Amino acid sequence: MLKNRIFYFLVLLVPFFIGCGGSDPVRSVPEAPQVMNLKADPNVICVGGASNITFDLVDPNQDAVNWNLKLSSSIHGTLDKTSGTDPSGSHISVRFKAATSGRHRHRIAATTTATDPGGLPAQAVSVDLYVFNCG
């Protein structure tokens, strides 16, 4: 009977006095940022014309987001800004300027990538632009 009491004492009461030994607070797993609402307006552009490419940056951890915007070809146009670091919740607008001369009938993909300060990447997203000789 005494052995049973000692056993119960050790099993039930000792952990309350000693603790579980795990004093580290619970850490949340970091989540990747997101590039949302990527749009090109207009997405069909005449030679010499322009388009506004817009997107939103969202980071569940409220970190700043490093972003890059890249064209599949730089022959048919240029961007006025290709990268930046902005706070979560930012709405980004970048101007695409189509080539001013030459014969064009091309699809160009504008792809946005992003990472948080720790390097956790967002899923890349793309939008298509079409450059034509309209006249």
N, C-alpha and C. Protein backbone atom coordinates (compact mmCIF):
# COMPACT_ATOMS: atom_id res chain seq x y z
N MET A 1 0.81 -1.18 0.00
CA MET A 1 0.00 0.00 0.00
C MET A 1 0.86 1.26 0.00
N LEU A 2 1.92 1.23 0.79
CA LEU A 2 2.84 2.36 0.84
C LEU A 2 3.53 2.55 -0.51
N LYS A 3 3.85 1.42 -1.16
CA LYS A 3 4.48 1.50 -2.48
C LYS A 3 3.54 2.17 -3.48
N ASN A 4 2.25 1.88 -3.41
CA ASN A 4 1.28 2.49 -4.31
C ASN A 4 1.20 3.99 -4.08
N ARG A 5 1.21 4.42 -2.83
CA ARG A 5 1.13 5.85 -2.52
C ARG A 5 2.38 6.58 -3.03
N ILE A 6 3.52 5.97 -2.84
CA ILE A 6 4.76 6.59 -3.32
C ILE A 6 4.73 6.68 -4.85
N PHE A 7 4.25 5.63 -5.49
CA PHE A 7 4.16 5.62 -6.95
C PHE A 7 3.23 6.75 -7.43
N TYR A 8 2.04 6.87 -6.84
CA TYR A 8 1.10 7.93 -7.22
C TYR A 8 1.67 9.31 -6.93
N PHE A 9 2.36 9.43 -5.84
CA PHE A 9 2.97 10.70 -5.51
C PHE A 9 3.98 11.09 -6.59
N LEU A 10 4.82 10.14 -6.94
CA LEU A 10 5.83 10.42 -7.95
C LEU A 10 5.23 10.70 -9.32
N VAL A 11 4.24 9.92 -9.70
CA VAL A 11 3.66 10.05 -11.03
C VAL A 11 2.78 11.30 -11.14
N LEU A 12 2.01 11.60 -10.11
CA LEU A 12 1.04 12.68 -10.21
C LEU A 12 1.52 14.03 -9.69
N LEU A 13 2.27 14.04 -8.63
CA LEU A 13 2.61 15.31 -8.02
C LEU A 13 3.99 15.85 -8.39
N VAL A 14 4.94 15.01 -8.63
CA VAL A 14 6.29 15.48 -8.94
C VAL A 14 6.32 16.34 -10.21
N PRO A 15 5.59 15.98 -11.28
CA PRO A 15 5.63 16.85 -12.47
C PRO A 15 5.14 18.28 -12.19
N PHE A 16 4.24 18.46 -11.24
CA PHE A 16 3.78 19.81 -10.91
C PHE A 16 4.89 20.63 -10.29
N PHE A 17 5.76 19.99 -9.52
CA PHE A 17 6.85 20.70 -8.85
C PHE A 17 8.04 20.92 -9.77
N ILE A 18 8.28 19.96 -10.63
CA ILE A 18 9.44 20.03 -11.50
C ILE A 18 9.11 20.75 -12.80
N GLY A 19 7.90 20.59 -13.29
CA GLY A 19 7.53 21.16 -14.58
C GLY A 19 7.83 20.18 -15.69
N CYS A 20 7.44 20.53 -16.88
CA CYS A 20 7.63 19.62 -18.00
C CYS A 20 9.00 19.78 -18.63
N GLY A 21 9.74 20.80 -18.22
CA GLY A 21 11.08 21.00 -18.77
C GLY A 21 11.09 21.76 -20.08
N GLY A 22 9.95 22.03 -20.64
CA GLY A 22 9.87 22.76 -21.90
C GLY A 22 9.40 24.18 -21.67
N SER A 23 10.32 25.09 -21.43
CA SER A 23 9.93 26.47 -21.13
C SER A 23 9.90 27.35 -22.36
N ASP A 24 10.22 26.82 -23.53
CA ASP A 24 10.20 27.62 -24.75
C ASP A 24 8.76 27.95 -25.11
N PRO A 25 8.51 29.21 -25.47
CA PRO A 25 7.16 29.54 -25.91
C PRO A 25 6.84 28.89 -27.25
N VAL A 26 5.59 28.73 -27.54
CA VAL A 26 5.17 28.14 -28.81
C VAL A 26 5.50 29.14 -29.91
N ARG A 27 6.20 28.67 -30.93
CA ARG A 27 6.58 29.54 -32.05
C ARG A 27 5.72 29.21 -33.25
N SER A 28 5.23 30.25 -33.87
CA SER A 28 4.42 30.02 -35.05
C SER A 28 5.33 29.80 -36.25
N VAL A 29 4.86 29.02 -37.18
CA VAL A 29 5.60 28.74 -38.40
C VAL A 29 5.44 29.94 -39.33
N PRO A 30 6.53 30.51 -39.84
CA PRO A 30 6.39 31.65 -40.74
C PRO A 30 5.66 31.25 -42.02
N GLU A 31 4.84 32.16 -42.51
CA GLU A 31 4.11 31.92 -43.75
C GLU A 31 4.70 32.78 -44.86
N ALA A 32 4.64 32.25 -46.06
CA ALA A 32 5.20 32.95 -47.22
C ALA A 32 4.33 34.15 -47.59
N PRO A 33 4.97 35.19 -48.13
CA PRO A 33 4.18 36.32 -48.63
C PRO A 33 3.42 35.90 -49.89
N GLN A 34 2.50 36.76 -50.33
CA GLN A 34 1.73 36.48 -51.53
C GLN A 34 1.70 37.73 -52.42
N VAL A 35 1.72 37.48 -53.72
CA VAL A 35 1.48 38.51 -54.72
C VAL A 35 0.07 38.28 -55.21
N MET A 36 -0.80 39.28 -55.05
CA MET A 36 -2.21 39.10 -55.38
C MET A 36 -2.67 40.16 -56.38
N ASN A 37 -3.74 39.84 -57.07
CA ASN A 37 -4.41 40.79 -57.99
C ASN A 37 -3.49 41.36 -59.06
N LEU A 38 -2.62 40.53 -59.62
CA LEU A 38 -1.73 40.99 -60.69
C LEU A 38 -2.56 41.25 -61.94
N LYS A 39 -2.46 42.47 -62.47
CA LYS A 39 -3.23 42.87 -63.65
C LYS A 39 -2.39 43.76 -64.55
N ALA A 40 -2.71 43.75 -65.83
CA ALA A 40 -2.14 44.68 -66.80
C ALA A 40 -3.29 45.40 -67.47
N ASP A 41 -3.26 46.72 -67.47
CA ASP A 41 -4.35 47.51 -68.04
C ASP A 41 -3.79 48.61 -68.92
N PRO A 42 -3.96 48.53 -70.22
CA PRO A 42 -4.54 47.41 -70.97
C PRO A 42 -3.49 46.32 -71.15
N ASN A 43 -3.96 45.14 -71.55
CA ASN A 43 -2.98 44.08 -71.79
C ASN A 43 -2.67 43.92 -73.28
N VAL A 44 -3.40 44.63 -74.15
CA VAL A 44 -3.07 44.69 -75.59
C VAL A 44 -2.58 46.11 -75.86
N ILE A 45 -1.33 46.22 -76.31
CA ILE A 45 -0.68 47.51 -76.45
C ILE A 45 -0.17 47.68 -77.87
N CYS A 46 -0.41 48.85 -78.42
CA CYS A 46 0.14 49.18 -79.73
C CYS A 46 1.60 49.60 -79.57
N VAL A 47 2.39 49.42 -80.63
CA VAL A 47 3.78 49.87 -80.62
C VAL A 47 3.81 51.34 -80.21
N GLY A 48 4.67 51.66 -79.26
CA GLY A 48 4.77 53.03 -78.76
C GLY A 48 3.82 53.31 -77.61
N GLY A 49 2.93 52.38 -77.29
CA GLY A 49 1.96 52.58 -76.22
C GLY A 49 2.50 52.12 -74.86
N ALA A 50 1.60 52.14 -73.87
CA ALA A 50 2.02 51.76 -72.51
C ALA A 50 0.88 51.05 -71.79
N SER A 51 1.24 50.40 -70.71
CA SER A 51 0.28 49.68 -69.88
C SER A 51 0.70 49.82 -68.42
N ASN A 52 -0.27 49.81 -67.51
CA ASN A 52 0.02 49.80 -66.08
C ASN A 52 -0.12 48.38 -65.56
N ILE A 53 0.95 47.88 -64.94
CA ILE A 53 0.93 46.57 -64.30
C ILE A 53 0.79 46.83 -62.80
N THR A 54 -0.24 46.26 -62.19
CA THR A 54 -0.49 46.49 -60.77
C THR A 54 -0.61 45.16 -60.03
N PHE A 55 -0.24 45.19 -58.76
CA PHE A 55 -0.40 44.01 -57.90
C PHE A 55 -0.34 44.45 -56.44
N ASP A 56 -0.81 43.56 -55.58
CA ASP A 56 -0.81 43.80 -54.13
C ASP A 56 0.16 42.83 -53.47
N LEU A 57 0.82 43.31 -52.42
CA LEU A 57 1.73 42.48 -51.63
C LEU A 57 1.09 42.19 -50.28
N VAL A 58 1.03 40.92 -49.90
CA VAL A 58 0.45 40.53 -48.62
C VAL A 58 1.40 39.57 -47.93
N ASP A 59 1.72 39.87 -46.67
CA ASP A 59 2.53 38.96 -45.87
C ASP A 59 1.79 38.69 -44.56
N PRO A 60 1.41 37.42 -44.29
CA PRO A 60 0.68 37.09 -43.07
C PRO A 60 1.43 37.46 -41.79
N ASN A 61 2.77 37.54 -41.87
CA ASN A 61 3.59 37.88 -40.70
C ASN A 61 3.83 39.39 -40.59
N GLN A 62 3.23 40.16 -41.51
CA GLN A 62 3.36 41.62 -41.56
C GLN A 62 4.81 42.07 -41.78
N ASP A 63 5.59 41.23 -42.45
CA ASP A 63 6.97 41.61 -42.80
C ASP A 63 6.95 42.47 -44.06
N ALA A 64 8.03 43.20 -44.28
CA ALA A 64 8.21 43.88 -45.56
C ALA A 64 8.41 42.80 -46.63
N VAL A 65 8.06 43.12 -47.85
CA VAL A 65 8.15 42.14 -48.94
C VAL A 65 9.10 42.66 -50.02
N ASN A 66 10.08 41.84 -50.38
CA ASN A 66 10.99 42.16 -51.49
C ASN A 66 10.38 41.57 -52.75
N TRP A 67 10.16 42.40 -53.77
CA TRP A 67 9.53 41.91 -54.99
C TRP A 67 10.38 42.22 -56.21
N ASN A 68 10.16 41.42 -57.26
CA ASN A 68 10.82 41.61 -58.55
C ASN A 68 9.80 41.38 -59.65
N LEU A 69 9.86 42.20 -60.68
CA LEU A 69 9.00 42.07 -61.84
C LEU A 69 9.91 41.92 -63.06
N LYS A 70 9.70 40.85 -63.82
CA LYS A 70 10.58 40.54 -64.94
C LYS A 70 9.74 40.26 -66.19
N LEU A 71 10.22 40.73 -67.33
CA LEU A 71 9.57 40.45 -68.61
C LEU A 71 10.23 39.24 -69.26
N SER A 72 9.42 38.45 -69.98
CA SER A 72 9.98 37.29 -70.68
C SER A 72 10.89 37.72 -71.82
N SER A 73 10.73 38.96 -72.30
CA SER A 73 11.59 39.50 -73.34
C SER A 73 11.69 41.01 -73.16
N SER A 74 12.89 41.52 -73.22
CA SER A 74 13.07 42.98 -73.10
C SER A 74 13.15 43.65 -74.47
N ILE A 75 13.02 42.88 -75.53
CA ILE A 75 13.10 43.43 -76.89
C ILE A 75 11.85 44.25 -77.22
N HIS A 76 10.71 43.87 -76.67
CA HIS A 76 9.44 44.45 -77.08
C HIS A 76 8.92 45.53 -76.14
N GLY A 77 9.69 45.84 -75.07
CA GLY A 77 9.28 46.88 -74.15
C GLY A 77 10.11 46.87 -72.88
N THR A 78 9.90 47.89 -72.05
CA THR A 78 10.66 48.03 -70.81
C THR A 78 9.72 48.37 -69.65
N LEU A 79 10.22 48.18 -68.44
CA LEU A 79 9.49 48.52 -67.22
C LEU A 79 10.15 49.73 -66.58
N ASP A 80 9.36 50.62 -65.97
CA ASP A 80 9.97 51.77 -65.32
C ASP A 80 10.54 51.43 -63.94
N LYS A 81 10.16 50.28 -63.38
CA LYS A 81 10.71 49.82 -62.10
C LYS A 81 10.63 48.30 -62.11
N THR A 82 11.72 47.64 -61.69
CA THR A 82 11.73 46.18 -61.75
C THR A 82 11.81 45.50 -60.39
N SER A 83 12.02 46.25 -59.31
CA SER A 83 12.10 45.64 -57.99
C SER A 83 11.87 46.68 -56.91
N GLY A 84 11.64 46.18 -55.70
CA GLY A 84 11.46 47.07 -54.57
C GLY A 84 11.23 46.29 -53.29
N THR A 85 11.19 47.01 -52.19
CA THR A 85 10.85 46.45 -50.89
C THR A 85 9.76 47.34 -50.31
N ASP A 86 8.60 46.74 -50.07
CA ASP A 86 7.45 47.50 -49.60
C ASP A 86 6.76 46.76 -48.47
N PRO A 87 6.03 47.50 -47.62
CA PRO A 87 5.34 46.84 -46.50
C PRO A 87 4.18 45.97 -46.98
N SER A 88 3.83 45.00 -46.16
CA SER A 88 2.66 44.17 -46.45
C SER A 88 1.44 45.07 -46.58
N GLY A 89 0.60 44.76 -47.56
CA GLY A 89 -0.59 45.57 -47.81
C GLY A 89 -0.39 46.63 -48.89
N SER A 90 0.82 46.73 -49.42
CA SER A 90 1.10 47.75 -50.45
C SER A 90 0.47 47.38 -51.78
N HIS A 91 0.03 48.40 -52.50
CA HIS A 91 -0.47 48.27 -53.87
C HIS A 91 0.62 48.85 -54.77
N ILE A 92 1.17 48.03 -55.65
CA ILE A 92 2.31 48.43 -56.49
C ILE A 92 1.81 48.67 -57.92
N SER A 93 2.32 49.73 -58.53
CA SER A 93 2.00 50.04 -59.92
C SER A 93 3.31 50.28 -60.67
N VAL A 94 3.47 49.55 -61.78
CA VAL A 94 4.67 49.65 -62.61
C VAL A 94 4.22 49.92 -64.04
N ARG A 95 4.90 50.82 -64.72
CA ARG A 95 4.55 51.19 -66.09
C ARG A 95 5.37 50.36 -67.08
N PHE A 96 4.66 49.70 -68.00
CA PHE A 96 5.30 48.99 -69.11
C PHE A 96 5.21 49.90 -70.34
N LYS A 97 6.35 50.14 -70.98
CA LYS A 97 6.38 50.96 -72.20
C LYS A 97 6.77 50.06 -73.36
N ALA A 98 5.87 49.94 -74.31
CA ALA A 98 6.13 49.10 -75.48
C ALA A 98 7.19 49.72 -76.37
N ALA A 99 7.83 48.87 -77.16
CA ALA A 99 8.83 49.34 -78.11
C ALA A 99 8.21 50.38 -79.02
N THR A 100 9.03 51.31 -79.51
CA THR A 100 8.50 52.42 -80.33
C THR A 100 8.64 52.19 -81.82
N SER A 101 9.33 51.15 -82.21
CA SER A 101 9.47 50.90 -83.65
C SER A 101 9.65 49.40 -83.89
N GLY A 102 9.58 49.04 -85.16
CA GLY A 102 9.77 47.64 -85.53
C GLY A 102 8.43 46.95 -85.75
N ARG A 103 8.51 45.74 -86.26
CA ARG A 103 7.30 44.95 -86.50
C ARG A 103 7.06 44.07 -85.29
N HIS A 104 5.87 44.18 -84.72
CA HIS A 104 5.57 43.46 -83.48
C HIS A 104 4.23 42.75 -83.55
N ARG A 105 4.24 41.57 -83.07
CA ARG A 105 3.04 40.76 -82.87
C ARG A 105 3.45 39.69 -81.85
N HIS A 106 3.58 40.13 -80.61
CA HIS A 106 4.21 39.29 -79.61
C HIS A 106 3.42 39.23 -78.30
N ARG A 107 3.56 38.09 -77.64
CA ARG A 107 3.07 37.93 -76.28
C ARG A 107 4.27 38.05 -75.36
N ILE A 108 4.14 38.85 -74.32
CA ILE A 108 5.20 39.02 -73.34
C ILE A 108 4.61 38.68 -71.97
N ALA A 109 5.28 37.82 -71.24
CA ALA A 109 4.84 37.49 -69.88
C ALA A 109 5.56 38.41 -68.90
N ALA A 110 4.80 39.03 -68.01
CA ALA A 110 5.37 39.81 -66.91
C ALA A 110 5.18 38.97 -65.65
N THR A 111 6.28 38.55 -65.04
CA THR A 111 6.24 37.64 -63.90
C THR A 111 6.73 38.34 -62.65
N THR A 112 5.94 38.24 -61.59
CA THR A 112 6.29 38.85 -60.31
C THR A 112 6.67 37.76 -59.32
N THR A 113 7.82 37.94 -58.67
CA THR A 113 8.26 37.06 -57.60
C THR A 113 8.45 37.91 -56.35
N ALA A 114 8.40 37.27 -55.19
CA ALA A 114 8.56 38.01 -53.94
C ALA A 114 9.11 37.10 -52.85
N THR A 115 9.78 37.69 -51.87
CA THR A 115 10.26 36.97 -50.70
C THR A 115 10.09 37.85 -49.47
N ASP A 116 10.03 37.21 -48.30
CA ASP A 116 10.04 37.98 -47.06
C ASP A 116 11.51 38.19 -46.67
N PRO A 117 11.79 38.95 -45.61
CA PRO A 117 13.19 39.23 -45.26
C PRO A 117 14.02 37.98 -44.96
N GLY A 118 13.38 36.89 -44.55
CA GLY A 118 14.11 35.65 -44.29
C GLY A 118 14.34 34.82 -45.53
N GLY A 119 13.83 35.26 -46.69
CA GLY A 119 14.03 34.53 -47.94
C GLY A 119 12.92 33.55 -48.28
N LEU A 120 11.86 33.51 -47.47
CA LEU A 120 10.73 32.63 -47.75
C LEU A 120 10.01 33.14 -49.00
N PRO A 121 9.95 32.34 -50.09
CA PRO A 121 9.43 32.84 -51.36
C PRO A 121 7.91 32.73 -51.49
N ALA A 122 7.36 33.68 -52.21
CA ALA A 122 5.96 33.62 -52.62
C ALA A 122 5.88 32.82 -53.92
N GLN A 123 4.71 32.34 -54.23
CA GLN A 123 4.51 31.68 -55.52
C GLN A 123 4.55 32.75 -56.61
N ALA A 124 5.32 32.52 -57.65
CA ALA A 124 5.42 33.47 -58.76
C ALA A 124 4.09 33.54 -59.50
N VAL A 125 3.72 34.75 -59.93
CA VAL A 125 2.50 34.93 -60.71
C VAL A 125 2.84 35.73 -61.97
N SER A 126 2.08 35.48 -63.04
CA SER A 126 2.36 36.12 -64.33
C SER A 126 1.08 36.68 -64.94
N VAL A 127 1.29 37.68 -65.78
CA VAL A 127 0.21 38.24 -66.59
C VAL A 127 0.78 38.43 -68.00
N ASP A 128 -0.06 38.24 -69.00
CA ASP A 128 0.39 38.36 -70.39
C ASP A 128 0.08 39.75 -70.94
N LEU A 129 1.05 40.28 -71.68
CA LEU A 129 0.90 41.53 -72.43
C LEU A 129 1.07 41.18 -73.91
N TYR A 130 0.35 41.87 -74.76
CA TYR A 130 0.43 41.64 -76.20
C TYR A 130 0.79 42.95 -76.87
N VAL A 131 1.90 42.94 -77.64
CA VAL A 131 2.35 44.13 -78.34
C VAL A 131 2.16 43.91 -79.83
N PHE A 132 1.43 44.86 -80.47
CA PHE A 132 1.08 44.75 -81.88
C PHE A 132 1.38 46.05 -82.61
N ASN A 133 1.58 45.94 -83.92
CA ASN A 133 1.54 47.09 -84.80
C ASN A 133 0.07 47.35 -85.09
N CYS A 134 -0.47 48.42 -84.58
CA CYS A 134 -1.91 48.66 -84.69
C CYS A 134 -2.30 49.50 -85.90
N GLY A 135 -1.38 50.17 -86.52
CA GLY A 135 -1.74 51.10 -87.59
C GLY A 135 -1.58 50.62 -88.95
